[in-house]
Amino acid sequence: MKQDYFEGADVAVTVCAKDGTILDMNQKSRKTFLKPGQESILGKNVLDCHPEPARTMLADMLANPRTNIYTVEKEGVKKLIYQCPWYEGEEYAGFMELSIVLPEFIPNRVRKPKA
């Protein structure tokens, strides 16, 4: 049995196929992105969920796989958005997005290499 490590995580994880079809969403993703009254958006195209210019950028990311990382702030909540391709074996299969709420202050720890 495959373990779903992200289901209870406090990180929104959304997985799409390379054609943009939404394949999976963990609990936090469903809570974050489903509109009131919506039970699911699985099977819908992720491009239909985004306005311009995000829609064009996502379409290009689907066609030209690459990682995209940025922060966004909405209603005083700052999030780190991490979008990256995922693969089945060696074949590009789509991309996933992790949306992580950031606290007001994040410590930065500099690690020195061992001598």
Protein backbone atom coordinates (compact mmCIF):
# COMPACT_ATOMS: atom_id res chain seq x y z
CA MET A 1 0.00 0.00 0.00
CA LYS A 2 1.38 3.40 -1.00
CA GLN A 3 1.66 5.95 1.80
CA ASP A 4 0.36 9.46 1.06
CA TYR A 5 2.85 11.55 3.00
CA PHE A 6 1.29 14.87 2.00
CA GLU A 7 -2.35 14.24 2.93
CA GLY A 8 -2.13 15.58 6.48
CA ALA A 9 0.71 18.06 5.88
CA ASP A 10 0.16 21.77 6.45
CA VAL A 11 1.36 22.40 2.88
CA ALA A 12 -0.98 22.61 -0.13
CA VAL A 13 0.19 20.02 -2.69
CA THR A 14 -1.41 19.93 -6.14
CA VAL A 15 -0.29 17.53 -8.88
CA CYS A 16 -1.07 18.00 -12.58
CA ALA A 17 -0.48 15.91 -15.69
CA LYS A 18 1.57 17.38 -18.53
CA ASP A 19 -1.65 18.40 -20.31
CA GLY A 20 -2.70 20.42 -17.23
CA THR A 21 -5.28 17.95 -15.88
CA ILE A 22 -5.40 18.12 -12.08
CA LEU A 23 -4.59 14.61 -10.86
CA ASP A 24 -4.33 14.97 -7.11
CA MET A 25 -4.75 17.46 -4.30
CA ASN A 26 -4.02 16.90 -0.65
CA GLN A 27 -6.37 18.07 2.11
CA LYS A 28 -4.68 21.48 2.50
CA SER A 29 -4.81 22.06 -1.28
CA ARG A 30 -8.52 21.23 -1.40
CA LYS A 31 -9.18 23.58 1.54
CA THR A 32 -7.13 26.33 -0.11
CA PHE A 33 -8.34 26.14 -3.71
CA LEU A 34 -11.89 24.75 -3.74
CA LYS A 35 -14.57 27.41 -3.87
CA PRO A 36 -17.60 27.16 -1.56
CA GLY A 37 -19.91 24.44 -2.83
CA GLN A 38 -17.20 22.75 -4.91
CA GLU A 39 -16.46 19.16 -3.96
CA SER A 40 -13.58 18.58 -6.36
CA ILE A 41 -11.66 20.02 -9.27
CA LEU A 42 -9.83 16.77 -10.03
CA GLY A 43 -9.93 16.15 -13.77
CA LYS A 44 -10.25 19.85 -14.55
CA ASN A 45 -7.47 21.76 -16.27
CA VAL A 46 -5.24 23.82 -14.01
CA LEU A 47 -5.11 26.53 -16.70
CA ASP A 48 -8.83 27.14 -16.23
CA CYS A 49 -8.18 27.95 -12.56
CA HIS A 50 -5.76 30.82 -13.25
CA PRO A 51 -6.23 34.31 -14.71
CA GLU A 52 -3.68 35.96 -16.97
CA PRO A 53 -0.71 36.31 -16.82
CA ALA A 54 -0.41 33.21 -14.60
CA ARG A 55 -2.32 31.11 -17.14
CA THR A 56 0.18 31.82 -19.93
CA MET A 57 3.13 31.19 -17.61
CA LEU A 58 1.68 27.83 -16.49
CA ALA A 59 0.96 26.80 -20.08
CA ASP A 60 4.60 27.53 -20.93
CA MET A 61 5.78 25.57 -17.88
CA LEU A 62 3.71 22.57 -18.98
CA ALA A 63 5.24 22.73 -22.47
CA ASN A 64 8.77 23.56 -21.26
CA PRO A 65 9.30 21.83 -17.91
CA ARG A 66 11.23 23.85 -15.35
CA THR A 67 11.08 24.83 -11.70
CA ASN A 68 9.43 28.11 -10.73
CA ILE A 69 9.74 29.52 -7.20
CA TYR A 70 8.26 32.76 -5.87
CA THR A 71 6.44 34.30 -2.93
CA VAL A 72 2.98 35.82 -2.99
CA GLU A 73 0.97 37.78 -0.45
CA LYS A 74 -2.82 37.85 -0.25
CA GLU A 75 -4.87 39.35 2.56
CA GLY A 76 -1.77 39.64 4.73
CA VAL A 77 -0.78 35.98 4.31
CA LYS A 78 2.58 35.41 2.63
CA LYS A 79 3.22 32.10 0.87
CA LEU A 80 6.13 30.40 -0.82
CA ILE A 81 5.04 28.81 -4.11
CA TYR A 82 7.25 26.01 -5.41
CA GLN A 83 6.30 24.57 -8.80
CA CYS A 84 8.39 21.80 -10.32
CA PRO A 85 8.16 19.06 -12.94
CA TRP A 86 7.59 15.47 -11.83
CA TYR A 87 8.54 12.33 -13.70
CA GLU A 88 7.47 8.75 -14.14
CA GLY A 89 10.81 7.03 -14.53
CA GLU A 90 12.68 9.23 -17.00
CA GLU A 91 9.56 10.63 -18.69
CA TYR A 92 8.15 14.07 -17.88
CA ALA A 93 4.66 13.54 -16.49
CA GLY A 94 3.51 17.00 -15.38
CA PHE A 95 4.17 19.43 -12.58
CA MET A 96 3.39 19.77 -8.93
CA GLU A 97 2.88 22.85 -6.82
CA LEU A 98 3.61 23.22 -3.14
CA SER A 99 2.07 26.27 -1.48
CA ILE A 100 3.53 26.95 1.96
CA VAL A 101 2.30 29.67 4.35
CA LEU A 102 5.30 31.59 5.63
CA PRO A 103 5.54 32.98 9.15
CA GLU A 104 6.33 36.67 9.58
CA PHE A 105 9.90 35.86 10.55
CA ILE A 106 11.90 32.94 9.20
CA PRO A 107 15.30 32.25 10.73
CA ASN A 108 18.11 31.65 8.25
CA ARG A 109 20.72 29.19 9.44
CA VAL A 110 24.04 29.19 7.63
CA ARG A 111 25.69 25.78 7.78
CA LYS A 112 29.43 25.58 7.48
CA PRO A 113 30.97 22.56 5.77
CA LYS A 114 32.75 20.09 8.03
CA ALA A 115 36.51 20.49 7.98
